[in-house]
mmCIF file of all heavy atoms, coordinates in Angstrom:
data_MODEL
# 
_entry.id   MODEL 
# 
loop_
_atom_site.group_PDB 
_atom_site.id 
_atom_site.type_symbol 
_atom_site.label_atom_id 
_atom_site.label_alt_id 
_atom_site.label_comp_id 
_atom_site.label_asym_id 
_atom_site.label_entity_id 
_atom_site.label_seq_id 
_atom_site.pdbx_PDB_ins_code 
_atom_site.Cartn_x 
_atom_site.Cartn_y 
_atom_site.Cartn_z 
_atom_site.occupancy 
_atom_site.B_iso_or_equiv 
_atom_site.pdbx_formal_charge 
_atom_site.auth_seq_id 
_atom_site.auth_comp_id 
_atom_site.auth_asym_id 
_atom_site.auth_atom_id 
_atom_site.pdbx_PDB_model_num 
ATOM 1   N N   . ASP A 1 1  ? 119.588 -47.879 -33.149 1.00 0.00 ? 1  ASP A N   1 
ATOM 2   C CA  . ASP A 1 1  ? 118.366 -47.203 -32.999 1.00 0.00 ? 1  ASP A CA  1 
ATOM 3   C C   . ASP A 1 1  ? 117.126 -48.065 -33.069 1.00 0.00 ? 1  ASP A C   1 
ATOM 4   O O   . ASP A 1 1  ? 116.226 -47.834 -32.374 1.00 0.00 ? 1  ASP A O   1 
ATOM 5   C CB  . ASP A 1 1  ? 118.330 -46.116 -34.194 1.00 0.00 ? 1  ASP A CB  1 
ATOM 6   C CG  . ASP A 1 1  ? 119.392 -45.009 -34.077 1.00 0.00 ? 1  ASP A CG  1 
ATOM 7   O OD1 . ASP A 1 1  ? 119.579 -44.657 -32.833 1.00 0.00 ? 1  ASP A OD1 1 
ATOM 8   O OD2 . ASP A 1 1  ? 119.845 -44.571 -35.116 1.00 0.00 ? 1  ASP A OD2 1 
ATOM 9   N N   . VAL A 1 2  ? 117.229 -49.059 -33.991 1.00 0.00 ? 2  VAL A N   1 
ATOM 10  C CA  . VAL A 1 2  ? 116.126 -50.034 -34.073 1.00 0.00 ? 2  VAL A CA  1 
ATOM 11  C C   . VAL A 1 2  ? 115.966 -50.761 -32.775 1.00 0.00 ? 2  VAL A C   1 
ATOM 12  O O   . VAL A 1 2  ? 114.946 -51.072 -32.228 1.00 0.00 ? 2  VAL A O   1 
ATOM 13  C CB  . VAL A 1 2  ? 116.293 -50.947 -35.256 1.00 0.00 ? 2  VAL A CB  1 
ATOM 14  C CG1 . VAL A 1 2  ? 115.341 -52.128 -35.239 1.00 0.00 ? 2  VAL A CG1 1 
ATOM 15  C CG2 . VAL A 1 2  ? 116.153 -50.266 -36.575 1.00 0.00 ? 2  VAL A CG2 1 
ATOM 16  N N   . ASP A 1 3  ? 117.172 -51.237 -32.275 1.00 0.00 ? 3  ASP A N   1 
ATOM 17  C CA  . ASP A 1 3  ? 117.215 -51.950 -30.979 1.00 0.00 ? 3  ASP A CA  1 
ATOM 18  C C   . ASP A 1 3  ? 116.591 -51.152 -29.782 1.00 0.00 ? 3  ASP A C   1 
ATOM 19  O O   . ASP A 1 3  ? 115.858 -51.759 -28.992 1.00 0.00 ? 3  ASP A O   1 
ATOM 20  C CB  . ASP A 1 3  ? 118.569 -52.482 -30.631 1.00 0.00 ? 3  ASP A CB  1 
ATOM 21  C CG  . ASP A 1 3  ? 119.065 -53.711 -31.437 1.00 0.00 ? 3  ASP A CG  1 
ATOM 22  O OD1 . ASP A 1 3  ? 118.175 -54.236 -32.146 1.00 0.00 ? 3  ASP A OD1 1 
ATOM 23  O OD2 . ASP A 1 3  ? 120.249 -54.156 -31.357 1.00 0.00 ? 3  ASP A OD2 1 
ATOM 24  N N   . ASP A 1 4  ? 117.010 -49.928 -29.787 1.00 0.00 ? 4  ASP A N   1 
ATOM 25  C CA  . ASP A 1 4  ? 116.420 -49.156 -28.700 1.00 0.00 ? 4  ASP A CA  1 
ATOM 26  C C   . ASP A 1 4  ? 114.916 -49.130 -28.708 1.00 0.00 ? 4  ASP A C   1 
ATOM 27  O O   . ASP A 1 4  ? 114.284 -49.199 -27.552 1.00 0.00 ? 4  ASP A O   1 
ATOM 28  C CB  . ASP A 1 4  ? 117.004 -47.683 -28.807 1.00 0.00 ? 4  ASP A CB  1 
ATOM 29  C CG  . ASP A 1 4  ? 118.418 -47.495 -28.417 1.00 0.00 ? 4  ASP A CG  1 
ATOM 30  O OD1 . ASP A 1 4  ? 118.930 -48.455 -27.725 1.00 0.00 ? 4  ASP A OD1 1 
ATOM 31  O OD2 . ASP A 1 4  ? 119.075 -46.493 -28.885 1.00 0.00 ? 4  ASP A OD2 1 
ATOM 32  N N   . TYR A 1 5  ? 114.394 -48.912 -29.947 1.00 0.00 ? 5  TYR A N   1 
ATOM 33  C CA  . TYR A 1 5  ? 112.984 -48.982 -30.088 1.00 0.00 ? 5  TYR A CA  1 
ATOM 34  C C   . TYR A 1 5  ? 112.274 -50.311 -29.698 1.00 0.00 ? 5  TYR A C   1 
ATOM 35  O O   . TYR A 1 5  ? 111.432 -50.480 -28.856 1.00 0.00 ? 5  TYR A O   1 
ATOM 36  C CB  . TYR A 1 5  ? 112.444 -48.547 -31.482 1.00 0.00 ? 5  TYR A CB  1 
ATOM 37  C CG  . TYR A 1 5  ? 111.037 -48.858 -31.664 1.00 0.00 ? 5  TYR A CG  1 
ATOM 38  C CD1 . TYR A 1 5  ? 110.087 -47.912 -31.216 1.00 0.00 ? 5  TYR A CD1 1 
ATOM 39  C CD2 . TYR A 1 5  ? 110.580 -50.038 -32.170 1.00 0.00 ? 5  TYR A CD2 1 
ATOM 40  C CE1 . TYR A 1 5  ? 108.720 -48.207 -31.341 1.00 0.00 ? 5  TYR A CE1 1 
ATOM 41  C CE2 . TYR A 1 5  ? 109.213 -50.249 -32.389 1.00 0.00 ? 5  TYR A CE2 1 
ATOM 42  C CZ  . TYR A 1 5  ? 108.226 -49.337 -31.909 1.00 0.00 ? 5  TYR A CZ  1 
ATOM 43  O OH  . TYR A 1 5  ? 106.988 -49.591 -32.147 1.00 0.00 ? 5  TYR A OH  1 
ATOM 44  N N   . ALA A 1 6  ? 112.895 -51.346 -30.310 1.00 0.00 ? 6  ALA A N   1 
ATOM 45  C CA  . ALA A 1 6  ? 112.329 -52.743 -30.125 1.00 0.00 ? 6  ALA A CA  1 
ATOM 46  C C   . ALA A 1 6  ? 112.395 -53.317 -28.781 1.00 0.00 ? 6  ALA A C   1 
ATOM 47  O O   . ALA A 1 6  ? 111.468 -53.967 -28.341 1.00 0.00 ? 6  ALA A O   1 
ATOM 48  C CB  . ALA A 1 6  ? 112.977 -53.625 -31.158 1.00 0.00 ? 6  ALA A CB  1 
ATOM 49  N N   . TYR A 1 7  ? 113.519 -53.120 -28.088 1.00 0.00 ? 7  TYR A N   1 
ATOM 50  C CA  . TYR A 1 7  ? 113.552 -53.520 -26.719 1.00 0.00 ? 7  TYR A CA  1 
ATOM 51  C C   . TYR A 1 7  ? 112.419 -52.982 -25.782 1.00 0.00 ? 7  TYR A C   1 
ATOM 52  O O   . TYR A 1 7  ? 111.680 -53.657 -25.137 1.00 0.00 ? 7  TYR A O   1 
ATOM 53  C CB  . TYR A 1 7  ? 114.937 -53.198 -26.056 1.00 0.00 ? 7  TYR A CB  1 
ATOM 54  C CG  . TYR A 1 7  ? 115.981 -54.255 -26.308 1.00 0.00 ? 7  TYR A CG  1 
ATOM 55  C CD1 . TYR A 1 7  ? 117.014 -54.056 -27.222 1.00 0.00 ? 7  TYR A CD1 1 
ATOM 56  C CD2 . TYR A 1 7  ? 115.909 -55.494 -25.724 1.00 0.00 ? 7  TYR A CD2 1 
ATOM 57  C CE1 . TYR A 1 7  ? 118.042 -54.979 -27.359 1.00 0.00 ? 7  TYR A CE1 1 
ATOM 58  C CE2 . TYR A 1 7  ? 116.867 -56.413 -25.824 1.00 0.00 ? 7  TYR A CE2 1 
ATOM 59  C CZ  . TYR A 1 7  ? 117.971 -56.233 -26.779 1.00 0.00 ? 7  TYR A CZ  1 
ATOM 60  O OH  . TYR A 1 7  ? 118.898 -57.208 -26.899 1.00 0.00 ? 7  TYR A OH  1 
ATOM 61  N N   . ALA A 1 8  ? 112.229 -51.666 -25.996 1.00 0.00 ? 8  ALA A N   1 
ATOM 62  C CA  . ALA A 1 8  ? 111.186 -50.938 -25.220 1.00 0.00 ? 8  ALA A CA  1 
ATOM 63  C C   . ALA A 1 8  ? 109.827 -51.424 -25.698 1.00 0.00 ? 8  ALA A C   1 
ATOM 64  O O   . ALA A 1 8  ? 108.913 -51.693 -24.895 1.00 0.00 ? 8  ALA A O   1 
ATOM 65  C CB  . ALA A 1 8  ? 111.371 -49.482 -25.358 1.00 0.00 ? 8  ALA A CB  1 
ATOM 66  N N   . ALA A 1 9  ? 109.614 -51.572 -26.983 1.00 0.00 ? 9  ALA A N   1 
ATOM 67  C CA  . ALA A 1 9  ? 108.260 -51.935 -27.495 1.00 0.00 ? 9  ALA A CA  1 
ATOM 68  C C   . ALA A 1 9  ? 107.943 -53.381 -27.120 1.00 0.00 ? 9  ALA A C   1 
ATOM 69  O O   . ALA A 1 9  ? 106.816 -53.732 -26.755 1.00 0.00 ? 9  ALA A O   1 
ATOM 70  C CB  . ALA A 1 9  ? 108.271 -51.929 -29.054 1.00 0.00 ? 9  ALA A CB  1 
ATOM 71  N N   . ALA A 1 10 ? 108.941 -54.256 -27.132 1.00 0.00 ? 10 ALA A N   1 
ATOM 72  C CA  . ALA A 1 10 ? 108.725 -55.651 -26.841 1.00 0.00 ? 10 ALA A CA  1 
ATOM 73  C C   . ALA A 1 10 ? 108.276 -55.814 -25.265 1.00 0.00 ? 10 ALA A C   1 
ATOM 74  O O   . ALA A 1 10 ? 107.311 -56.505 -24.988 1.00 0.00 ? 10 ALA A O   1 
ATOM 75  C CB  . ALA A 1 10 ? 109.962 -56.509 -26.982 1.00 0.00 ? 10 ALA A CB  1 
ATOM 76  N N   . SER A 1 11 ? 108.986 -55.104 -24.412 1.00 0.00 ? 11 SER A N   1 
ATOM 77  C CA  . SER A 1 11 ? 108.660 -55.130 -23.022 1.00 0.00 ? 11 SER A CA  1 
ATOM 78  C C   . SER A 1 11 ? 107.292 -54.438 -22.869 1.00 0.00 ? 11 SER A C   1 
ATOM 79  O O   . SER A 1 11 ? 106.501 -55.034 -22.037 1.00 0.00 ? 11 SER A O   1 
ATOM 80  C CB  . SER A 1 11 ? 109.731 -54.182 -22.281 1.00 0.00 ? 11 SER A CB  1 
ATOM 81  O OG  . SER A 1 11 ? 109.331 -54.068 -20.879 1.00 0.00 ? 11 SER A OG  1 
ATOM 82  N N   . THR A 1 12 ? 106.933 -53.393 -23.591 1.00 0.00 ? 12 THR A N   1 
ATOM 83  C CA  . THR A 1 12 ? 105.649 -52.812 -23.474 1.00 0.00 ? 12 THR A CA  1 
ATOM 84  C C   . THR A 1 12 ? 104.576 -53.725 -23.831 1.00 0.00 ? 12 THR A C   1 
ATOM 85  O O   . THR A 1 12 ? 103.535 -53.842 -23.127 1.00 0.00 ? 12 THR A O   1 
ATOM 86  C CB  . THR A 1 12 ? 105.579 -51.545 -24.310 1.00 0.00 ? 12 THR A CB  1 
ATOM 87  O OG1 . THR A 1 12 ? 106.631 -50.677 -23.866 1.00 0.00 ? 12 THR A OG1 1 
ATOM 88  C CG2 . THR A 1 12 ? 104.269 -50.939 -24.224 1.00 0.00 ? 12 THR A CG2 1 
ATOM 89  N N   . ALA A 1 13 ? 104.742 -54.443 -24.970 1.00 0.00 ? 13 ALA A N   1 
ATOM 90  C CA  . ALA A 1 13 ? 103.819 -55.412 -25.488 1.00 0.00 ? 13 ALA A CA  1 
ATOM 91  C C   . ALA A 1 13 ? 103.488 -56.560 -24.458 1.00 0.00 ? 13 ALA A C   1 
ATOM 92  O O   . ALA A 1 13 ? 102.275 -56.799 -24.258 1.00 0.00 ? 13 ALA A O   1 
ATOM 93  C CB  . ALA A 1 13 ? 104.169 -55.886 -26.900 1.00 0.00 ? 13 ALA A CB  1 
ATOM 94  N N   . VAL A 1 14 ? 104.496 -57.082 -24.062 1.00 0.00 ? 14 VAL A N   1 
ATOM 95  C CA  . VAL A 1 14 ? 104.287 -58.303 -23.172 1.00 0.00 ? 14 VAL A CA  1 
ATOM 96  C C   . VAL A 1 14 ? 103.730 -57.827 -21.813 1.00 0.00 ? 14 VAL A C   1 
ATOM 97  O O   . VAL A 1 14 ? 102.871 -58.507 -21.244 1.00 0.00 ? 14 VAL A O   1 
ATOM 98  C CB  . VAL A 1 14 ? 105.645 -58.991 -22.901 1.00 0.00 ? 14 VAL A CB  1 
ATOM 99  C CG1 . VAL A 1 14 ? 105.549 -60.145 -21.851 1.00 0.00 ? 14 VAL A CG1 1 
ATOM 100 C CG2 . VAL A 1 14 ? 106.137 -59.648 -24.299 1.00 0.00 ? 14 VAL A CG2 1 
ATOM 101 N N   . HIS A 1 15 ? 104.161 -56.651 -21.323 1.00 0.00 ? 15 HIS A N   1 
ATOM 102 C CA  . HIS A 1 15 ? 103.577 -56.158 -20.042 1.00 0.00 ? 15 HIS A CA  1 
ATOM 103 C C   . HIS A 1 15 ? 102.170 -55.797 -20.227 1.00 0.00 ? 15 HIS A C   1 
ATOM 104 O O   . HIS A 1 15 ? 101.375 -56.113 -19.232 1.00 0.00 ? 15 HIS A O   1 
ATOM 105 C CB  . HIS A 1 15 ? 104.351 -54.887 -19.577 1.00 0.00 ? 15 HIS A CB  1 
ATOM 106 C CG  . HIS A 1 15 ? 103.857 -54.360 -18.345 1.00 0.00 ? 15 HIS A CG  1 
ATOM 107 N ND1 . HIS A 1 15 ? 104.072 -54.810 -17.110 1.00 0.00 ? 15 HIS A ND1 1 
ATOM 108 C CD2 . HIS A 1 15 ? 103.180 -53.230 -18.123 1.00 0.00 ? 15 HIS A CD2 1 
ATOM 109 C CE1 . HIS A 1 15 ? 103.464 -54.013 -16.163 1.00 0.00 ? 15 HIS A CE1 1 
ATOM 110 N NE2 . HIS A 1 15 ? 102.958 -53.121 -16.840 1.00 0.00 ? 15 HIS A NE2 1 
ATOM 111 N N   . ARG A 1 16 ? 101.613 -55.279 -21.236 1.00 0.00 ? 16 ARG A N   1 
ATOM 112 C CA  . ARG A 1 16 ? 100.295 -55.017 -21.442 1.00 0.00 ? 16 ARG A CA  1 
ATOM 113 C C   . ARG A 1 16 ? 99.473  -56.290 -21.631 1.00 0.00 ? 16 ARG A C   1 
ATOM 114 O O   . ARG A 1 16 ? 98.272  -56.205 -21.273 1.00 0.00 ? 16 ARG A O   1 
ATOM 115 C CB  . ARG A 1 16 ? 100.134 -53.991 -22.597 1.00 0.00 ? 16 ARG A CB  1 
ATOM 116 C CG  . ARG A 1 16 ? 100.704 -52.635 -22.331 1.00 0.00 ? 16 ARG A CG  1 
ATOM 117 C CD  . ARG A 1 16 ? 100.442 -51.588 -23.416 1.00 0.00 ? 16 ARG A CD  1 
ATOM 118 N NE  . ARG A 1 16 ? 100.948 -50.334 -23.120 1.00 0.00 ? 16 ARG A NE  1 
ATOM 119 C CZ  . ARG A 1 16 ? 100.822 -49.225 -23.840 1.00 0.00 ? 16 ARG A CZ  1 
ATOM 120 N NH1 . ARG A 1 16 ? 100.273 -49.318 -25.034 1.00 0.00 ? 16 ARG A NH1 1 
ATOM 121 N NH2 . ARG A 1 16 ? 101.525 -48.128 -23.442 1.00 0.00 ? 16 ARG A NH2 1 
ATOM 122 N N   . ILE A 1 17 ? 100.017 -57.330 -22.033 1.00 0.00 ? 17 ILE A N   1 
ATOM 123 C CA  . ILE A 1 17 ? 99.237  -58.511 -21.999 1.00 0.00 ? 17 ILE A CA  1 
ATOM 124 C C   . ILE A 1 17 ? 99.265  -59.225 -20.662 1.00 0.00 ? 17 ILE A C   1 
ATOM 125 O O   . ILE A 1 17 ? 98.309  -59.640 -20.163 1.00 0.00 ? 17 ILE A O   1 
ATOM 126 C CB  . ILE A 1 17 ? 99.816  -59.514 -23.100 1.00 0.00 ? 17 ILE A CB  1 
ATOM 127 C CG1 . ILE A 1 17 ? 99.626  -58.918 -24.510 1.00 0.00 ? 17 ILE A CG1 1 
ATOM 128 C CG2 . ILE A 1 17 ? 99.176  -60.873 -23.050 1.00 0.00 ? 17 ILE A CG2 1 
ATOM 129 C CD1 . ILE A 1 17 ? 100.237 -59.650 -25.490 1.00 0.00 ? 17 ILE A CD1 1 
ATOM 130 N N   . LEU A 1 18 ? 100.356 -59.384 -20.039 1.00 0.00 ? 18 LEU A N   1 
ATOM 131 C CA  . LEU A 1 18 ? 100.556 -60.118 -18.750 1.00 0.00 ? 18 LEU A CA  1 
ATOM 132 C C   . LEU A 1 18 ? 100.725 -59.384 -17.446 1.00 0.00 ? 18 LEU A C   1 
ATOM 133 O O   . LEU A 1 18 ? 100.619 -59.787 -16.391 1.00 0.00 ? 18 LEU A O   1 
ATOM 134 C CB  . LEU A 1 18 ? 101.675 -61.126 -18.878 1.00 0.00 ? 18 LEU A CB  1 
ATOM 135 C CG  . LEU A 1 18 ? 101.843 -62.120 -20.008 1.00 0.00 ? 18 LEU A CG  1 
ATOM 136 C CD1 . LEU A 1 18 ? 102.979 -62.985 -19.924 1.00 0.00 ? 18 LEU A CD1 1 
ATOM 137 C CD2 . LEU A 1 18 ? 100.571 -62.852 -20.082 1.00 0.00 ? 18 LEU A CD2 1 
ATOM 138 N N   . GLY A 1 19 ? 100.803 -58.031 -17.680 1.00 0.00 ? 19 GLY A N   1 
ATOM 139 C CA  . GLY A 1 19 ? 101.282 -57.160 -16.492 1.00 0.00 ? 19 GLY A CA  1 
ATOM 140 C C   . GLY A 1 19 ? 100.316 -57.188 -15.340 1.00 0.00 ? 19 GLY A C   1 
ATOM 141 O O   . GLY A 1 19 ? 100.561 -57.007 -14.198 1.00 0.00 ? 19 GLY A O   1 
ATOM 142 N N   . ASP A 1 20 ? 98.966  -57.338 -15.636 1.00 0.00 ? 20 ASP A N   1 
ATOM 143 C CA  . ASP A 1 20 ? 97.866  -57.241 -14.623 1.00 0.00 ? 20 ASP A CA  1 
ATOM 144 C C   . ASP A 1 20 ? 97.596  -58.573 -13.962 1.00 0.00 ? 20 ASP A C   1 
ATOM 145 O O   . ASP A 1 20 ? 96.725  -58.676 -13.098 1.00 0.00 ? 20 ASP A O   1 
ATOM 146 C CB  . ASP A 1 20 ? 96.657  -56.639 -15.195 1.00 0.00 ? 20 ASP A CB  1 
ATOM 147 C CG  . ASP A 1 20 ? 96.796  -55.124 -15.451 1.00 0.00 ? 20 ASP A CG  1 
ATOM 148 O OD1 . ASP A 1 20 ? 97.671  -54.482 -14.904 1.00 0.00 ? 20 ASP A OD1 1 
ATOM 149 O OD2 . ASP A 1 20 ? 96.040  -54.704 -16.409 1.00 0.00 ? 20 ASP A OD2 1 
ATOM 150 N N   . LEU A 1 21 ? 98.239  -59.673 -14.405 1.00 0.00 ? 21 LEU A N   1 
ATOM 151 C CA  . LEU A 1 21 ? 97.886  -60.965 -13.855 1.00 0.00 ? 21 LEU A CA  1 
ATOM 152 C C   . LEU A 1 21 ? 98.532  -61.169 -12.611 1.00 0.00 ? 21 LEU A C   1 
ATOM 153 O O   . LEU A 1 21 ? 99.703  -60.593 -12.280 1.00 0.00 ? 21 LEU A O   1 
ATOM 154 C CB  . LEU A 1 21 ? 98.401  -62.117 -14.797 1.00 0.00 ? 21 LEU A CB  1 
ATOM 155 C CG  . LEU A 1 21 ? 97.802  -62.191 -16.258 1.00 0.00 ? 21 LEU A CG  1 
ATOM 156 C CD1 . LEU A 1 21 ? 98.371  -63.269 -16.973 1.00 0.00 ? 21 LEU A CD1 1 
ATOM 157 C CD2 . LEU A 1 21 ? 96.270  -62.247 -16.135 1.00 0.00 ? 21 LEU A CD2 1 
ATOM 158 N N   . ASP A 1 22 ? 97.897  -61.894 -11.596 1.00 0.00 ? 22 ASP A N   1 
ATOM 159 C CA  . ASP A 1 22 ? 98.612  -62.221 -10.356 1.00 0.00 ? 22 ASP A CA  1 
ATOM 160 C C   . ASP A 1 22 ? 99.697  -63.258 -10.764 1.00 0.00 ? 22 ASP A C   1 
ATOM 161 O O   . ASP A 1 22 ? 99.734  -63.879 -11.774 1.00 0.00 ? 22 ASP A O   1 
ATOM 162 C CB  . ASP A 1 22 ? 97.592  -62.790 -9.356  1.00 0.00 ? 22 ASP A CB  1 
ATOM 163 C CG  . ASP A 1 22 ? 96.901  -64.027 -9.825  1.00 0.00 ? 22 ASP A CG  1 
ATOM 164 O OD1 . ASP A 1 22 ? 97.445  -65.124 -10.163 1.00 0.00 ? 22 ASP A OD1 1 
ATOM 165 O OD2 . ASP A 1 22 ? 95.669  -63.908 -10.019 1.00 0.00 ? 22 ASP A OD2 1 
ATOM 166 N N   . ASP A 1 23 ? 100.555 -63.607 -9.766  1.00 0.00 ? 23 ASP A N   1 
ATOM 167 C CA  . ASP A 1 23 ? 101.713 -64.438 -9.973  1.00 0.00 ? 23 ASP A CA  1 
ATOM 168 C C   . ASP A 1 23 ? 101.367 -65.808 -10.435 1.00 0.00 ? 23 ASP A C   1 
ATOM 169 O O   . ASP A 1 23 ? 101.917 -66.434 -11.386 1.00 0.00 ? 23 ASP A O   1 
ATOM 170 C CB  . ASP A 1 23 ? 102.623 -64.404 -8.685  1.00 0.00 ? 23 ASP A CB  1 
ATOM 171 C CG  . ASP A 1 23 ? 103.526 -63.306 -8.653  1.00 0.00 ? 23 ASP A CG  1 
ATOM 172 O OD1 . ASP A 1 23 ? 103.505 -62.319 -9.519  1.00 0.00 ? 23 ASP A OD1 1 
ATOM 173 O OD2 . ASP A 1 23 ? 104.279 -63.104 -7.615  1.00 0.00 ? 23 ASP A OD2 1 
ATOM 174 N N   . GLU A 1 24 ? 100.249 -66.394 -9.733  1.00 0.00 ? 24 GLU A N   1 
ATOM 175 C CA  . GLU A 1 24 ? 99.808  -67.618 -10.160 1.00 0.00 ? 24 GLU A CA  1 
ATOM 176 C C   . GLU A 1 24 ? 99.397  -67.832 -11.580 1.00 0.00 ? 24 GLU A C   1 
ATOM 177 O O   . GLU A 1 24 ? 99.747  -68.713 -12.306 1.00 0.00 ? 24 GLU A O   1 
ATOM 178 C CB  . GLU A 1 24 ? 98.705  -68.113 -9.129  1.00 0.00 ? 24 GLU A CB  1 
ATOM 179 C CG  . GLU A 1 24 ? 98.200  -69.605 -9.393  1.00 0.00 ? 24 GLU A CG  1 
ATOM 180 C CD  . GLU A 1 24 ? 97.163  -69.984 -8.413  1.00 0.00 ? 24 GLU A CD  1 
ATOM 181 O OE1 . GLU A 1 24 ? 96.831  -69.095 -7.509  1.00 0.00 ? 24 GLU A OE1 1 
ATOM 182 O OE2 . GLU A 1 24 ? 96.637  -71.142 -8.462  1.00 0.00 ? 24 GLU A OE2 1 
ATOM 183 N N   . THR A 1 25 ? 98.632  -66.810 -12.072 1.00 0.00 ? 25 THR A N   1 
ATOM 184 C CA  . THR A 1 25 ? 98.062  -66.949 -13.400 1.00 0.00 ? 25 THR A CA  1 
ATOM 185 C C   . THR A 1 25 ? 99.207  -66.549 -14.376 1.00 0.00 ? 25 THR A C   1 
ATOM 186 O O   . THR A 1 25 ? 99.336  -67.225 -15.445 1.00 0.00 ? 25 THR A O   1 
ATOM 187 C CB  . THR A 1 25 ? 96.904  -65.889 -13.553 1.00 0.00 ? 25 THR A CB  1 
ATOM 188 O OG1 . THR A 1 25 ? 95.899  -66.127 -12.529 1.00 0.00 ? 25 THR A OG1 1 
ATOM 189 C CG2 . THR A 1 25 ? 96.277  -66.072 -14.950 1.00 0.00 ? 25 THR A CG2 1 
ATOM 190 N N   . PHE A 1 26 ? 100.054 -65.583 -13.881 1.00 0.00 ? 26 PHE A N   1 
ATOM 191 C CA  . PHE A 1 26 ? 101.212 -65.314 -14.768 1.00 0.00 ? 26 PHE A CA  1 
ATOM 192 C C   . PHE A 1 26 ? 102.080 -66.594 -14.984 1.00 0.00 ? 26 PHE A C   1 
ATOM 193 O O   . PHE A 1 26 ? 102.513 -66.866 -16.061 1.00 0.00 ? 26 PHE A O   1 
ATOM 194 C CB  . PHE A 1 26 ? 102.048 -64.226 -14.101 1.00 0.00 ? 26 PHE A CB  1 
ATOM 195 C CG  . PHE A 1 26 ? 103.335 -63.802 -14.786 1.00 0.00 ? 26 PHE A CG  1 
ATOM 196 C CD1 . PHE A 1 26 ? 103.390 -62.848 -15.722 1.00 0.00 ? 26 PHE A CD1 1 
ATOM 197 C CD2 . PHE A 1 26 ? 104.527 -64.492 -14.515 1.00 0.00 ? 26 PHE A CD2 1 
ATOM 198 C CE1 . PHE A 1 26 ? 104.509 -62.521 -16.439 1.00 0.00 ? 26 PHE A CE1 1 
ATOM 199 C CE2 . PHE A 1 26 ? 105.670 -64.219 -15.190 1.00 0.00 ? 26 PHE A CE2 1 
ATOM 200 C CZ  . PHE A 1 26 ? 105.750 -63.232 -16.173 1.00 0.00 ? 26 PHE A CZ  1 
ATOM 201 N N   . THR A 1 27 ? 102.277 -67.294 -13.931 1.00 0.00 ? 27 THR A N   1 
ATOM 202 C CA  . THR A 1 27 ? 103.162 -68.476 -14.108 1.00 0.00 ? 27 THR A CA  1 
ATOM 203 C C   . THR A 1 27 ? 102.403 -69.594 -14.980 1.00 0.00 ? 27 THR A C   1 
ATOM 204 O O   . THR A 1 27 ? 103.079 -70.237 -15.729 1.00 0.00 ? 27 THR A O   1 
ATOM 205 C CB  . THR A 1 27 ? 103.358 -69.046 -12.618 1.00 0.00 ? 27 THR A CB  1 
ATOM 206 O OG1 . THR A 1 27 ? 104.214 -68.145 -11.902 1.00 0.00 ? 27 THR A OG1 1 
ATOM 207 C CG2 . THR A 1 27 ? 104.156 -70.402 -12.783 1.00 0.00 ? 27 THR A CG2 1 
ATOM 208 N N   . ALA A 1 28 ? 101.067 -69.647 -14.893 1.00 0.00 ? 28 ALA A N   1 
ATOM 209 C CA  . ALA A 1 28 ? 100.364 -70.668 -15.640 1.00 0.00 ? 28 ALA A CA  1 
ATOM 210 C C   . ALA A 1 28 ? 100.618 -70.426 -17.150 1.00 0.00 ? 28 ALA A C   1 
ATOM 211 O O   . ALA A 1 28 ? 100.807 -71.332 -17.937 1.00 0.00 ? 28 ALA A O   1 
ATOM 212 C CB  . ALA A 1 28 ? 98.854  -70.602 -15.349 1.00 0.00 ? 28 ALA A CB  1 
# 
């Protein structure tokens, strides 16, 4: 149950930080 939450939350957190970057900036 913890894993189910944490996997989704971790993906959400990183996506909200890097998700709008273009590939070049993302890679940097």
